[in-house]
Amino acid sequence: MSAVSGFAKGVYYFFVEDGSIVVGAIVALIIVAFLAIVKPFGNADAIAGPLLFVLLAALLVANLLRVAQNAHAGK
C-alpha cells in the first residue's frame, strides 16, 4: 500500500512542481476536443487520438530536456 501512496505522491508533486505540464496537457486536450467535436475536415476525428498522443509525448520530451539542462547547469 505504501508503494501506491508513494506513486500517487510522486505524480502529485510532479504536476504541482511544474505547472507548465498541466497547462500544456490542458491545451492539448482543448485542441483535440476541438478537432473531435467541430471536425473542420473530413478525417479530423480519426487523427484526434494520435494527435493527442504526439502532443503529450512532445510535452514530456520537452520537460525531460528542460530537467536535463537544469541538472547540467547545476553542476
Protein backbone atom coordinates (compact mmCIF):
# COMPACT_ATOMS: atom_id res chain seq x y z
CA MET A 1 0.00 0.00 0.00
CA SER A 2 2.90 2.34 0.70
CA ALA A 3 4.14 1.86 -2.87
CA VAL A 4 0.78 3.00 -4.22
CA SER A 5 0.68 6.04 -1.96
CA GLY A 6 4.31 6.82 -2.81
CA PHE A 7 3.49 6.67 -6.51
CA ALA A 8 0.43 8.88 -6.03
CA LYS A 9 2.50 11.42 -4.10
CA GLY A 10 5.16 11.37 -6.82
CA VAL A 11 2.61 12.06 -9.53
CA TYR A 12 1.03 14.82 -7.43
CA TYR A 13 4.37 16.52 -6.80
CA PHE A 14 5.28 16.17 -10.48
CA PHE A 15 2.23 18.18 -11.51
CA VAL A 16 2.42 20.67 -8.65
CA GLU A 17 6.13 21.34 -9.10
CA ASP A 18 5.92 22.10 -12.81
CA GLY A 19 2.67 23.77 -13.79
CA SER A 20 3.70 24.07 -17.44
CA ILE A 21 2.98 20.37 -17.90
CA VAL A 22 -0.56 20.81 -16.63
CA VAL A 23 -1.13 23.85 -18.84
CA GLY A 24 0.33 22.03 -21.85
CA ALA A 25 -1.85 18.99 -21.23
CA ILE A 26 -4.95 21.17 -20.97
CA VAL A 27 -4.07 22.95 -24.22
CA ALA A 28 -3.52 19.58 -25.94
CA LEU A 29 -6.91 18.36 -24.72
CA ILE A 30 -8.62 21.54 -25.94
CA ILE A 31 -7.04 21.18 -29.40
CA VAL A 32 -8.05 17.54 -29.69
CA ALA A 33 -11.56 18.20 -28.35
CA PHE A 34 -11.97 20.95 -30.94
CA LEU A 35 -10.95 18.54 -33.71
CA ALA A 36 -13.21 15.78 -32.43
CA ILE A 37 -16.28 17.97 -31.94
CA VAL A 38 -16.09 20.55 -34.74
CA LYS A 39 -14.47 18.27 -37.38
CA PRO A 40 -13.02 21.07 -39.55
CA PHE A 41 -12.02 18.48 -42.17
CA GLY A 42 -13.16 15.01 -43.13
CA ASN A 43 -10.92 12.76 -41.07
CA ALA A 44 -10.36 15.06 -38.08
CA ASP A 45 -11.90 12.60 -35.63
CA ALA A 46 -9.62 9.82 -36.94
CA ILE A 47 -6.45 11.78 -36.18
CA ALA A 48 -7.60 13.21 -32.84
CA GLY A 49 -6.31 10.28 -30.76
CA PRO A 50 -2.88 10.01 -32.38
CA LEU A 51 -2.54 13.79 -32.25
CA LEU A 52 -3.21 13.78 -28.51
CA PHE A 53 -0.55 11.11 -28.07
CA VAL A 54 2.01 13.09 -30.10
CA LEU A 55 1.26 16.34 -28.27
CA LEU A 56 1.59 14.75 -24.84
CA ALA A 57 4.76 12.90 -25.85
CA ALA A 58 6.27 16.16 -27.14
CA LEU A 59 5.33 17.85 -23.89
CA LEU A 60 7.05 15.16 -21.83
CA VAL A 61 10.17 15.23 -24.03
CA ALA A 62 10.39 19.00 -23.68
CA ASN A 63 10.09 18.62 -19.91
CA LEU A 64 12.82 15.98 -19.83
CA LEU A 65 15.13 18.22 -21.85
CA ARG A 66 14.47 21.13 -19.51
CA VAL A 67 15.18 18.97 -16.46
CA ALA A 68 18.40 17.68 -18.04
CA GLN A 69 19.54 21.22 -18.83
CA ASN A 70 18.79 22.37 -15.30
CA ALA A 71 20.66 19.39 -13.84
CA HIS A 72 23.64 20.03 -16.10
CA ALA A 73 23.68 23.76 -15.29
CA GLY A 74 23.63 22.96 -11.57
CA LYS A 75 26.91 21.03 -11.73
